[in-house]
Amino acid sequence: MSQYIKIGTTANLDELLKNPIALLDIWAPWCGWCLKISPVIDQVAEEMKEKVTVVKINYDQNPDIEKRFEFMTIPALFFIKNGKVVKHTGTILKEEILQTLNNMMKD
């Protein structure tokens, strides 16, 4: 895991998402798609380290997260700007993640 990834919990999530631009990855260790996209999220964290906070939260350890973000499948990626979700998706290509984050910085 990248050194630029923050590990989220329901207790510390608000603090971690204070950065104006954040990417939240909700995952579980039994989820094949979660494990497949994990290295991509790590690469994004490395490339965007100065501009974006990247947070991973383990669904199994934090099941209450579903109530807050209202998702039905994982991985669940949330693009957050100034504390508000601007986009929610599942597994997408690295280029799409970077494009979305770069567009968020322009607005």
PDB file of N, CA and C in Angstrom:
ATOM      1  N   MET A   1       0.843  -1.179   0.000  1.00  0.00           N
ATOM      2  CA  MET A   1       0.000   0.000   0.000  1.00  0.00           C
ATOM      3  C   MET A   1       0.886   1.239   0.000  1.00  0.00           C
ATOM      4  N   SER A   2       0.460   2.230  -0.721  1.00  0.00           N
ATOM      5  CA  SER A   2       1.211   3.479  -0.818  1.00  0.00           C
ATOM      6  C   SER A   2       1.297   4.175   0.532  1.00  0.00           C
ATOM      7  N   GLN A   3       2.418   4.819   0.776  1.00  0.00           N
ATOM      8  CA  GLN A   3       2.566   5.596   2.001  1.00  0.00           C
ATOM      9  C   GLN A   3       1.650   6.816   2.013  1.00  0.00           C
ATOM     10  N   TYR A   4       1.062   7.153   0.874  1.00  0.00           N
ATOM     11  CA  TYR A   4       0.187   8.317   0.775  1.00  0.00           C
ATOM     12  C   TYR A   4      -1.281   7.975   0.975  1.00  0.00           C
ATOM     13  N   ILE A   5      -1.565   6.716   1.249  1.00  0.00           N
ATOM     14  CA  ILE A   5      -2.932   6.283   1.527  1.00  0.00           C
ATOM     15  C   ILE A   5      -3.217   6.495   3.009  1.00  0.00           C
ATOM     16  N   LYS A   6      -4.351   7.077   3.304  1.00  0.00           N
ATOM     17  CA  LYS A   6      -4.813   7.211   4.686  1.00  0.00           C
ATOM     18  C   LYS A   6      -5.777   6.062   4.966  1.00  0.00           C
ATOM     19  N   ILE A   7      -5.710   5.499   6.152  1.00  0.00           N
ATOM     20  CA  ILE A   7      -6.612   4.422   6.541  1.00  0.00           C
ATOM     21  C   ILE A   7      -7.766   5.039   7.318  1.00  0.00           C
ATOM     22  N   GLY A   8      -8.947   4.894   6.754  1.00  0.00           N
ATOM     23  CA  GLY A   8     -10.120   5.509   7.357  1.00  0.00           C
ATOM     24  C   GLY A   8     -10.888   4.575   8.264  1.00  0.00           C
ATOM     25  N   THR A   9     -11.570   5.181   9.223  1.00  0.00           N
ATOM     26  CA  THR A   9     -12.535   4.493  10.073  1.00  0.00           C
ATOM     27  C   THR A   9     -13.734   5.426  10.188  1.00  0.00           C
ATOM     28  N   THR A  10     -14.824   4.920  10.705  1.00  0.00           N
ATOM     29  CA  THR A  10     -15.973   5.813  10.890  1.00  0.00           C
ATOM     30  C   THR A  10     -15.634   6.906  11.901  1.00  0.00           C
ATOM     31  N   ALA A  11     -14.677   6.662  12.785  1.00  0.00           N
ATOM     32  CA  ALA A  11     -14.299   7.647  13.802  1.00  0.00           C
ATOM     33  C   ALA A  11     -13.414   8.769  13.249  1.00  0.00           C
ATOM     34  N   ASN A  12     -12.524   8.468  12.312  1.00  0.00           N
ATOM     35  CA  ASN A  12     -11.581   9.495  11.845  1.00  0.00           C
ATOM     36  C   ASN A  12     -11.878  10.023  10.444  1.00  0.00           C
ATOM     37  N   LEU A  13     -12.943   9.570   9.836  1.00  0.00           N
ATOM     38  CA  LEU A  13     -13.193   9.897   8.434  1.00  0.00           C
ATOM     39  C   LEU A  13     -13.369  11.393   8.175  1.00  0.00           C
ATOM     40  N   ASP A  14     -14.113  12.080   9.014  1.00  0.00           N
ATOM     41  CA  ASP A  14     -14.313  13.515   8.807  1.00  0.00           C
ATOM     42  C   ASP A  14     -12.989  14.268   8.811  1.00  0.00           C
ATOM     43  N   GLU A  15     -12.113  13.897   9.708  1.00  0.00           N
ATOM     44  CA  GLU A  15     -10.796  14.535   9.777  1.00  0.00           C
ATOM     45  C   GLU A  15      -9.994  14.262   8.500  1.00  0.00           C
ATOM     46  N   LEU A  16     -10.033  13.036   8.014  1.00  0.00           N
ATOM     47  CA  LEU A  16      -9.271  12.673   6.821  1.00  0.00           C
ATOM     48  C   LEU A  16      -9.817  13.337   5.559  1.00  0.00           C
ATOM     49  N   LEU A  17     -11.103  13.623   5.528  1.00  0.00           N
ATOM     50  CA  LEU A  17     -11.718  14.206   4.333  1.00  0.00           C
ATOM     51  C   LEU A  17     -11.741  15.731   4.351  1.00  0.00           C
ATOM     52  N   LYS A  18     -10.974  16.355   5.231  1.00  0.00           N
ATOM     53  CA  LYS A  18     -10.929  17.824   5.313  1.00  0.00           C
ATOM     54  C   LYS A  18     -10.266  18.467   4.097  1.00  0.00           C
ATOM     55  N   ASN A  19      -9.372  17.737   3.446  1.00  0.00           N
ATOM     56  CA  ASN A  19      -8.722  18.275   2.250  1.00  0.00           C
ATOM     57  C   ASN A  19      -9.808  18.652   1.248  1.00  0.00           C
ATOM     58  N   PRO A  20      -9.641  19.750   0.517  1.00  0.00           N
ATOM     59  CA  PRO A  20     -10.672  20.146  -0.454  1.00  0.00           C
ATOM     60  C   PRO A  20     -10.988  19.075  -1.502  1.00  0.00           C
ATOM     61  N   ILE A  21     -10.016  18.240  -1.861  1.00  0.00           N
ATOM     62  CA  ILE A  21     -10.236  17.188  -2.850  1.00  0.00           C
ATOM     63  C   ILE A  21      -9.822  15.854  -2.219  1.00  0.00           C
ATOM     64  N   ALA A  22     -10.759  14.893  -2.225  1.00  0.00           N
ATOM     65  CA  ALA A  22     -10.461  13.593  -1.638  1.00  0.00           C
ATOM     66  C   ALA A  22     -11.082  12.478  -2.470  1.00  0.00           C
ATOM     67  N   LEU A  23     -10.438  11.332  -2.422  1.00  0.00           N
ATOM     68  CA  LEU A  23     -10.943  10.112  -3.034  1.00  0.00           C
ATOM     69  C   LEU A  23     -11.083   9.083  -1.922  1.00  0.00           C
ATOM     70  N   LEU A  24     -12.294   8.572  -1.742  1.00  0.00           N
ATOM     71  CA  LEU A  24     -12.579   7.571  -0.726  1.00  0.00           C
ATOM     72  C   LEU A  24     -12.842   6.237  -1.407  1.00  0.00           C
ATOM     73  N   ASP A  25     -12.089   5.226  -1.015  1.00  0.00           N
ATOM     74  CA  ASP A  25     -12.234   3.868  -1.546  1.00  0.00           C
ATOM     75  C   ASP A  25     -12.763   2.983  -0.426  1.00  0.00           C
ATOM     76  N   ILE A  26     -13.998   2.497  -0.567  1.00  0.00           N
ATOM     77  CA  ILE A  26     -14.579   1.570   0.398  1.00  0.00           C
ATOM     78  C   ILE A  26     -14.414   0.172  -0.185  1.00  0.00           C
ATOM     79  N   TRP A  27     -13.765  -0.694   0.565  1.00  0.00           N
ATOM     80  CA  TRP A  27     -13.369  -2.001   0.049  1.00  0.00           C
ATOM     81  C   TRP A  27     -13.548  -3.069   1.129  1.00  0.00           C
ATOM     82  N   ALA A  28     -13.331  -4.322   0.757  1.00  0.00           N
ATOM     83  CA  ALA A  28     -13.330  -5.442   1.699  1.00  0.00           C
ATOM     84  C   ALA A  28     -12.299  -6.468   1.231  1.00  0.00           C
ATOM     85  N   PRO A  29     -11.683  -7.174   2.167  1.00  0.00           N
ATOM     86  CA  PRO A  29     -10.631  -8.120   1.789  1.00  0.00           C
ATOM     87  C   PRO A  29     -11.134  -9.328   0.997  1.00  0.00           C
ATOM     88  N   TRP A  30     -12.401  -9.636   1.029  1.00  0.00           N
ATOM     89  CA  TRP A  30     -12.962 -10.773   0.293  1.00  0.00           C
ATOM     90  C   TRP A  30     -13.449 -10.379  -1.104  1.00  0.00           C
ATOM     91  N   CYS A  31     -13.389  -9.098  -1.432  1.00  0.00           N
ATOM     92  CA  CYS A  31     -13.921  -8.567  -2.691  1.00  0.00           C
ATOM     93  C   CYS A  31     -12.841  -8.599  -3.779  1.00  0.00           C
ATOM     94  N   GLY A  32     -13.045  -9.442  -4.779  1.00  0.00           N
ATOM     95  CA  GLY A  32     -12.073  -9.562  -5.867  1.00  0.00           C
ATOM     96  C   GLY A  32     -11.842  -8.263  -6.625  1.00  0.00           C
ATOM     97  N   TRP A  33     -12.918  -7.547  -6.945  1.00  0.00           N
ATOM     98  CA  TRP A  33     -12.767  -6.278  -7.664  1.00  0.00           C
ATOM     99  C   TRP A  33     -12.054  -5.235  -6.805  1.00  0.00           C
ATOM    100  N   CYS A  34     -12.280  -5.272  -5.499  1.00  0.00           N
ATOM    101  CA  CYS A  34     -11.590  -4.351  -4.580  1.00  0.00           C
ATOM    102  C   CYS A  34     -10.078  -4.586  -4.641  1.00  0.00           C
ATOM    103  N   LEU A  35      -9.703  -5.863  -4.611  1.00  0.00           N
ATOM    104  CA  LEU A  35      -8.282  -6.211  -4.641  1.00  0.00           C
ATOM    105  C   LEU A  35      -7.666  -5.872  -5.992  1.00  0.00           C
ATOM    106  N   LYS A  36      -8.471  -5.971  -7.043  1.00  0.00           N
ATOM    107  CA  LYS A  36      -7.975  -5.653  -8.386  1.00  0.00           C
ATOM    108  C   LYS A  36      -7.712  -4.156  -8.553  1.00  0.00           C
ATOM    109  N   ILE A  37      -8.576  -3.311  -7.980  1.00  0.00           N
ATOM    110  CA  ILE A  37      -8.406  -1.869  -8.151  1.00  0.00           C
ATOM    111  C   ILE A  37      -7.455  -1.263  -7.116  1.00  0.00           C
ATOM    112  N   SER A  38      -7.144  -1.996  -6.066  1.00  0.00           N
ATOM    113  CA  SER A  38      -6.288  -1.473  -5.001  1.00  0.00           C
ATOM    114  C   SER A  38      -4.941  -0.929  -5.499  1.00  0.00           C
ATOM    115  N   PRO A  39      -4.213  -1.644  -6.367  1.00  0.00           N
ATOM    116  CA  PRO A  39      -2.948  -1.082  -6.858  1.00  0.00           C
ATOM    117  C   PRO A  39      -3.152   0.195  -7.679  1.00  0.00           C
ATOM    118  N   VAL A  40      -4.280   0.292  -8.354  1.00  0.00           N
ATOM    119  CA  VAL A  40      -4.588   1.506  -9.123  1.00  0.00           C
ATOM    120  C   VAL A  40      -4.781   2.679  -8.169  1.00  0.00           C
ATOM    121  N   ILE A  41      -5.514   2.449  -7.089  1.00  0.00           N
ATOM    122  CA  ILE A  41      -5.724   3.507  -6.092  1.00  0.00           C
ATOM    123  C   ILE A  41      -4.383   3.921  -5.486  1.00  0.00           C
ATOM    124  N   ASP A  42      -3.509   2.956  -5.238  1.00  0.00           N
ATOM    125  CA  ASP A  42      -2.170   3.264  -4.724  1.00  0.00           C
ATOM    126  C   ASP A  42      -1.394   4.144  -5.699  1.00  0.00           C
ATOM    127  N   GLN A  43      -1.472   3.836  -6.990  1.00  0.00           N
ATOM    128  CA  GLN A  43      -0.781   4.638  -8.001  1.00  0.00           C
ATOM    129  C   GLN A  43      -1.337   6.060  -8.042  1.00  0.00           C
ATOM    130  N   VAL A  44      -2.646   6.180  -7.959  1.00  0.00           N
ATOM    131  CA  VAL A  44      -3.272   7.508  -7.942  1.00  0.00           C
ATOM    132  C   VAL A  44      -2.784   8.293  -6.727  1.00  0.00           C
ATOM    133  N   ALA A  45      -2.725   7.646  -5.575  1.00  0.00           N
ATOM    134  CA  ALA A  45      -2.245   8.321  -4.364  1.00  0.00           C
ATOM    135  C   ALA A  45      -0.818   8.822  -4.541  1.00  0.00           C
ATOM    136  N   GLU A  46       0.022   8.021  -5.160  1.00  0.00           N
ATOM    137  CA  GLU A  46       1.413   8.432  -5.409  1.00  0.00           C
ATOM    138  C   GLU A  46       1.470   9.636  -6.350  1.00  0.00           C
ATOM    139  N   GLU A  47       0.710   9.573  -7.424  1.00  0.00           N
ATOM    140  CA  GLU A  47       0.751  10.629  -8.434  1.00  0.00           C
ATOM    141  C   GLU A  47       0.105  11.930  -7.965  1.00  0.00           C
ATOM    142  N   MET A  48      -0.884  11.835  -7.100  1.00  0.00           N
ATOM    143  CA  MET A  48      -1.642  13.018  -6.690  1.00  0.00           C
ATOM    144  C   MET A  48      -1.334  13.430  -5.244  1.00  0.00           C
ATOM    145  N   LYS A  49      -0.236  12.950  -4.701  1.00  0.00           N
ATOM    146  CA  LYS A  49       0.059  13.090  -3.274  1.00  0.00           C
ATOM    147  C   LYS A  49       0.020  14.524  -2.754  1.00  0.00           C
ATOM    148  N   GLU A  50       0.371  15.478  -3.542  1.00  0.00           N
ATOM    149  CA  GLU A  50       0.392  16.876  -3.105  1.00  0.00           C
ATOM    150  C   GLU A  50      -0.975  17.550  -3.218  1.00  0.00           C
ATOM    151  N   LYS A  51      -1.896  16.933  -3.961  1.00  0.00           N
ATOM    152  CA  LYS A  51      -3.139  17.610  -4.309  1.00  0.00           C
ATOM    153  C   LYS A  51      -4.398  16.953  -3.763  1.00  0.00           C
ATOM    154  N   VAL A  52      -4.347  15.655  -3.528  1.00  0.00           N
ATOM    155  CA  VAL A  52      -5.548  14.889  -3.194  1.00  0.00           C
ATOM    156  C   VAL A  52      -5.285  14.000  -1.983  1.00  0.00           C
ATOM    157  N   THR A  53      -6.255  13.922  -1.095  1.00  0.00           N
ATOM    158  CA  THR A  53      -6.197  12.952  -0.003  1.00  0.00           C
ATOM    159  C   THR A  53      -6.893  11.684  -0.470  1.00  0.00           C
ATOM    160  N   VAL A  54      -6.199  10.560  -0.385  1.00  0.00           N
ATOM    161  CA  VAL A  54      -6.770   9.276  -0.765  1.00  0.00           C
ATOM    162  C   VAL A  54      -6.957   8.450   0.513  1.00  0.00           C
ATOM    163  N   VAL A  55      -8.197   8.029   0.721  1.00  0.00           N
ATOM    164  CA  VAL A  55      -8.553   7.306   1.941  1.00  0.00           C
ATOM    165  C   VAL A  55      -9.142   5.948   1.560  1.00  0.00           C
ATOM    166  N   LYS A  56      -8.672   4.903   2.221  1.00  0.00           N
ATOM    167  CA  LYS A  56      -9.261   3.573   2.076  1.00  0.00           C
ATOM    168  C   LYS A  56      -9.925   3.206   3.396  1.00  0.00           C
ATOM    169  N   ILE A  57     -11.129   2.670   3.295  1.00  0.00           N
ATOM    170  CA  ILE A  57     -11.835   2.238   4.489  1.00  0.00           C
ATOM    171  C   ILE A  57     -12.347   0.812   4.276  1.00  0.00           C
ATOM    172  N   ASN A  58     -12.019  -0.050   5.212  1.00  0.00           N
ATOM    173  CA  ASN A  58     -12.396  -1.457   5.147  1.00  0.00           C
ATOM    174  C   ASN A  58     -13.855  -1.579   5.583  1.00  0.00           C
ATOM    175  N   TYR A  59     -14.699  -2.010   4.675  1.00  0.00           N
ATOM    176  CA  TYR A  59     -16.129  -2.131   4.951  1.00  0.00           C
ATOM    177  C   TYR A  59     -16.410  -3.105   6.095  1.00  0.00           C
ATOM    178  N   ASP A  60     -15.702  -4.220   6.135  1.00  0.00           N
ATOM    179  CA  ASP A  60     -15.946  -5.222   7.169  1.00  0.00           C
ATOM    180  C   ASP A  60     -15.676  -4.665   8.566  1.00  0.00           C
ATOM    181  N   GLN A  61     -14.707  -3.781   8.692  1.00  0.00           N
ATOM    182  CA  GLN A  61     -14.360  -3.196   9.983  1.00  0.00           C
ATOM    183  C   GLN A  61     -15.188  -1.951  10.300  1.00  0.00           C
ATOM    184  N   ASN A  62     -15.878  -1.409   9.293  1.00  0.00           N
ATOM    185  CA  ASN A  62     -16.643  -0.173   9.448  1.00  0.00           C
ATOM    186  C   ASN A  62     -17.981  -0.263   8.716  1.00  0.00           C
ATOM    187  N   PRO A  63     -18.844  -1.219   9.073  1.00  0.00           N
ATOM    188  CA  PRO A  63     -20.088  -1.425   8.322  1.00  0.00           C
ATOM    189  C   PRO A  63     -21.048  -0.235   8.370  1.00  0.00           C
ATOM    190  N   ASP A  64     -20.924   0.635   9.357  1.00  0.00           N
ATOM    191  CA  ASP A  64     -21.795   1.811   9.443  1.00  0.00           C
ATOM    192  C   ASP A  64     -21.540   2.811   8.320  1.00  0.00           C
ATOM    193  N   ILE A  65     -20.426   2.649   7.616  1.00  0.00           N
ATOM    194  CA  ILE A  65     -20.114   3.567   6.512  1.00  0.00           C
ATOM    195  C   ILE A  65     -21.189   3.518   5.437  1.00  0.00           C
ATOM    196  N   GLU A  66     -21.856   2.384   5.311  1.00  0.00           N
ATOM    197  CA  GLU A  66     -22.910   2.237   4.300  1.00  0.00           C
ATOM    198  C   GLU A  66     -24.069   3.197   4.560  1.00  0.00           C
ATOM    199  N   LYS A  67     -24.396   3.438   5.809  1.00  0.00           N
ATOM    200  CA  LYS A  67     -25.470   4.373   6.152  1.00  0.00           C
ATOM    201  C   LYS A  67     -25.121   5.795   5.743  1.00  0.00           C
ATOM    202  N   ARG A  68     -23.869   6.148   5.906  1.00  0.00           N
ATOM    203  CA  ARG A  68     -23.444   7.522   5.593  1.00  0.00           C
ATOM    204  C   ARG A  68     -23.367   7.782   4.090  1.00  0.00           C
ATOM    205  N   PHE A  69     -22.843   6.813   3.337  1.00  0.00           N
ATOM    206  CA  PHE A  69     -22.608   7.048   1.912  1.00  0.00           C
ATOM    207  C   PHE A  69     -23.612   6.361   0.992  1.00  0.00           C
ATOM    208  N   GLU A  70     -24.461   5.499   1.515  1.00  0.00           N
ATOM    209  CA  GLU A  70     -25.544   4.890   0.752  1.00  0.00           C
ATOM    210  C   GLU A  70     -25.086   4.275  -0.572  1.00  0.00           C
ATOM    211  N   PHE A  71     -24.333   3.218  -0.484  1.00  0.00           N
ATOM    212  CA  PHE A  71     -23.886   2.476  -1.662  1.00  0.00           C
ATOM    213  C   PHE A  71     -24.383   1.046  -1.530  1.00  0.00           C
ATOM    214  N   MET A  72     -24.423   0.342  -2.661  1.00  0.00           N
ATOM    215  CA  MET A  72     -24.944  -1.025  -2.638  1.00  0.00           C
ATOM    216  C   MET A  72     -23.900  -2.077  -2.989  1.00  0.00           C
ATOM    217  N   THR A  73     -22.805  -1.670  -3.621  1.00  0.00           N
ATOM    218  CA  THR A  73     -21.769  -2.620  -3.996  1.00  0.00           C
ATOM    219  C   THR A  73     -20.401  -2.043  -3.678  1.00  0.00           C
ATOM    220  N   ILE A  74     -19.437  -2.940  -3.574  1.00  0.00           N
ATOM    221  CA  ILE A  74     -18.056  -2.489  -3.417  1.00  0.00           C
ATOM    222  C   ILE A  74     -17.210  -3.131  -4.512  1.00  0.00           C
ATOM    223  N   PRO A  75     -16.137  -2.514  -4.915  1.00  0.00           N
ATOM    224  CA  PRO A  75     -15.614  -1.290  -4.338  1.00  0.00           C
ATOM    225  C   PRO A  75     -16.539  -0.109  -4.623  1.00  0.00           C
ATOM    226  N   ALA A  76     -16.545   0.813  -3.703  1.00  0.00           N
ATOM    227  CA  ALA A  76     -17.300   2.050  -3.877  1.00  0.00           C
ATOM    228  C   ALA A  76     -16.297   3.192  -3.794  1.00  0.00           C
ATOM    229  N   LEU A  77     -16.176   3.910  -4.895  1.00  0.00           N
ATOM    230  CA  LEU A  77     -15.270   5.055  -4.947  1.00  0.00           C
ATOM    231  C   LEU A  77     -16.093   6.334  -4.877  1.00  0.00           C
ATOM    232  N   PHE A  78     -15.718   7.207  -3.961  1.00  0.00           N
ATOM    233  CA  PHE A  78     -16.406   8.483  -3.809  1.00  0.00           C
ATOM    234  C   PHE A  78     -15.405   9.608  -4.029  1.00  0.00           C
ATOM    235  N   PHE A  79     -15.733  10.488  -4.942  1.00  0.00           N
ATOM    236  CA  PHE A  79     -14.937  11.669  -5.222  1.00  0.00           C
ATOM    237  C   PHE A  79     -15.573  12.806  -4.430  1.00  0.00           C
ATOM    238  N   ILE A  80     -14.802  13.405  -3.538  1.00  0.00           N
ATOM    239  CA  ILE A  80     -15.348  14.364  -2.587  1.00  0.00           C
ATOM    240  C   ILE A  80     -14.625  15.699  -2.722  1.00  0.00           C
ATOM    241  N   LYS A  81     -15.419  16.757  -2.858  1.00  0.00           N
ATOM    242  CA  LYS A  81     -14.864  18.103  -2.949  1.00  0.00           C
ATOM    243  C   LYS A  81     -15.516  18.963  -1.874  1.00  0.00           C
ATOM    244  N   ASN A  82     -14.682  19.549  -1.041  1.00  0.00           N
ATOM    245  CA  ASN A  82     -15.158  20.403   0.050  1.00  0.00           C
ATOM    246  C   ASN A  82     -16.239  19.707   0.880  1.00  0.00           C
ATOM    247  N   GLY A  83     -16.019  18.423   1.157  1.00  0.00           N
ATOM    248  CA  GLY A  83     -16.924  17.675   2.007  1.00  0.00           C
ATOM    249  C   GLY A  83     -18.176  17.131   1.336  1.00  0.00           C
ATOM    250  N   LYS A  84     -18.359  17.398   0.052  1.00  0.00           N
ATOM    251  CA  LYS A  84     -19.555  16.944  -0.673  1.00  0.00           C
ATOM    252  C   LYS A  84     -19.165  15.926  -1.745  1.00  0.00           C
ATOM    253  N   VAL A  85     -19.945  14.863  -1.846  1.00  0.00           N
ATOM    254  CA  VAL A  85     -19.708  13.853  -2.882  1.00  0.00           C
ATOM    255  C   VAL A  85     -20.105  14.437  -4.229  1.00  0.00           C
ATOM    256  N   VAL A  86     -19.170  14.442  -5.174  1.00  0.00           N
ATOM    257  CA  VAL A  86     -19.459  14.935  -6.516  1.00  0.00           C
ATOM    258  C   VAL A  86     -19.607  13.798  -7.517  1.00  0.00           C
ATOM    259  N   LYS A  87     -19.093  12.607  -7.147  1.00  0.00           N
ATOM    260  CA  LYS A  87     -19.225  11.453  -8.032  1.00  0.00           C
ATOM    261  C   LYS A  87     -19.053  10.190  -7.204  1.00  0.00           C
ATOM    262  N   HIS A  88     -19.839   9.180  -7.557  1.00  0.00           N
ATOM    263  CA  HIS A  88     -19.755   7.865  -6.914  1.00  0.00           C
ATOM    264  C   HIS A  88     -19.715   6.826  -8.025  1.00  0.00           C
ATOM    265  N   THR A  89     -18.796   5.904  -7.920  1.00  0.00           N
ATOM    266  CA  THR A  89     -18.667   4.873  -8.941  1.00  0.00           C
ATOM    267  C   THR A  89     -18.086   3.603  -8.323  1.00  0.00           C
ATOM    268  N   GLY A  90     -18.008   2.583  -9.132  1.00  0.00           N
ATOM    269  CA  GLY A  90     -17.342   1.346  -8.743  1.00  0.00           C
ATOM    270  C   GLY A  90     -15.977   1.309  -9.393  1.00  0.00           C
ATOM    271  N   THR A  91     -15.589   0.170  -9.886  1.00  0.00           N
ATOM    272  CA  THR A  91     -14.287   0.017 -10.527  1.00  0.00           C
ATOM    273  C   THR A  91     -14.254   0.776 -11.848  1.00  0.00           C
ATOM    274  N   ILE A  92     -13.273   1.657 -11.982  1.00  0.00           N
ATOM    275  CA  ILE A  92     -13.072   2.391 -13.233  1.00  0.00           C
ATOM    276  C   ILE A  92     -11.574   2.422 -13.537  1.00  0.00           C
ATOM    277  N   LEU A  93     -11.244   2.829 -14.726  1.00  0.00           N
ATOM    278  CA  LEU A  93      -9.847   2.899 -15.151  1.00  0.00           C
ATOM    279  C   LEU A  93      -9.108   4.024 -14.431  1.00  0.00           C
ATOM    280  N   LYS A  94      -7.810   3.822 -14.277  1.00  0.00           N
ATOM    281  CA  LYS A  94      -6.962   4.827 -13.632  1.00  0.00           C
ATOM    282  C   LYS A  94      -7.089   6.183 -14.328  1.00  0.00           C
ATOM    283  N   GLU A  95      -7.126   6.167 -15.646  1.00  0.00           N
ATOM    284  CA  GLU A  95      -7.214   7.422 -16.400  1.00  0.00           C
ATOM    285  C   GLU A  95      -8.495   8.189 -16.051  1.00  0.00           C
ATOM    286  N   GLU A  96      -9.592   7.463 -15.846  1.00  0.00           N
ATOM    287  CA  GLU A  96     -10.858   8.106 -15.478  1.00  0.00           C
ATOM    288  C   GLU A  96     -10.787   8.697 -14.074  1.00  0.00           C
ATOM    289  N   ILE A  97     -10.121   7.994 -13.176  1.00  0.00           N
ATOM    290  CA  ILE A  97      -9.958   8.507 -11.811  1.00  0.00           C
ATOM    291  C   ILE A  97      -9.163   9.804 -11.850  1.00  0.00           C
ATOM    292  N   LEU A  98      -8.025   9.777 -12.547  1.00  0.00           N
ATOM    293  CA  LEU A  98      -7.174  10.970 -12.628  1.00  0.00           C
ATOM    294  C   LEU A  98      -7.894  12.127 -13.307  1.00  0.00           C
ATOM    295  N   GLN A  99      -8.631  11.834 -14.373  1.00  0.00           N
ATOM    296  CA  GLN A  99      -9.361  12.887 -15.082  1.00  0.00           C
ATOM    297  C   GLN A  99     -10.409  13.516 -14.163  1.00  0.00           C
ATOM    298  N   THR A 100     -11.132  12.695 -13.430  1.00  0.00           N
ATOM    299  CA  THR A 100     -12.151  13.221 -12.520  1.00  0.00           C
ATOM    300  C   THR A 100     -11.499  14.096 -11.445  1.00  0.00           C
ATOM    301  N   LEU A 101     -10.413  13.638 -10.862  1.00  0.00           N
ATOM    302  CA  LEU A 101      -9.748  14.423  -9.828  1.00  0.00           C
ATOM    303  C   LEU A 101      -9.199  15.730 -10.392  1.00  0.00           C
ATOM    304  N   ASN A 102      -8.588  15.674 -11.562  1.00  0.00           N
ATOM    305  CA  ASN A 102      -8.074  16.903 -12.188  1.00  0.00           C
ATOM    306  C   ASN A 102      -9.201  17.877 -12.507  1.00  0.00           C
ATOM    307  N   ASN A 103     -10.327  17.368 -12.989  1.00  0.00           N
ATOM    308  CA  ASN A 103     -11.480  18.242 -13.263  1.00  0.00           C
ATOM    309  C   ASN A 103     -12.008  18.875 -11.978  1.00  0.00           C
ATOM    310  N   MET A 104     -12.002  18.124 -10.888  1.00  0.00           N
ATOM    311  CA  MET A 104     -12.450  18.658  -9.605  1.00  0.00           C
ATOM    312  C   MET A 104     -11.568  19.815  -9.146  1.00  0.00           C
ATOM    313  N   MET A 105     -10.293  19.755  -9.455  1.00  0.00           N
ATOM    314  CA  MET A 105      -9.363  20.821  -9.052  1.00  0.00           C
ATOM    315  C   MET A 105      -9.580  22.086  -9.877  1.00  0.00           C
ATOM    316  N   LYS A 106     -10.088  21.949 -11.090  1.00  0.00           N
ATOM    317  CA  LYS A 106     -10.309  23.102 -11.963  1.00  0.00           C
ATOM    318  C   LYS A 106     -11.548  23.888 -11.568  1.00  0.00           C
ATOM    319  N   ASP A 107     -12.581  23.189 -11.099  1.00  0.00           N
ATOM    320  CA  ASP A 107     -13.859  23.845 -10.800  1.00  0.00           C
ATOM    321  C   ASP A 107     -13.776  24.708  -9.569  1.00  0.00           C
TER     322      ASP A 107
END
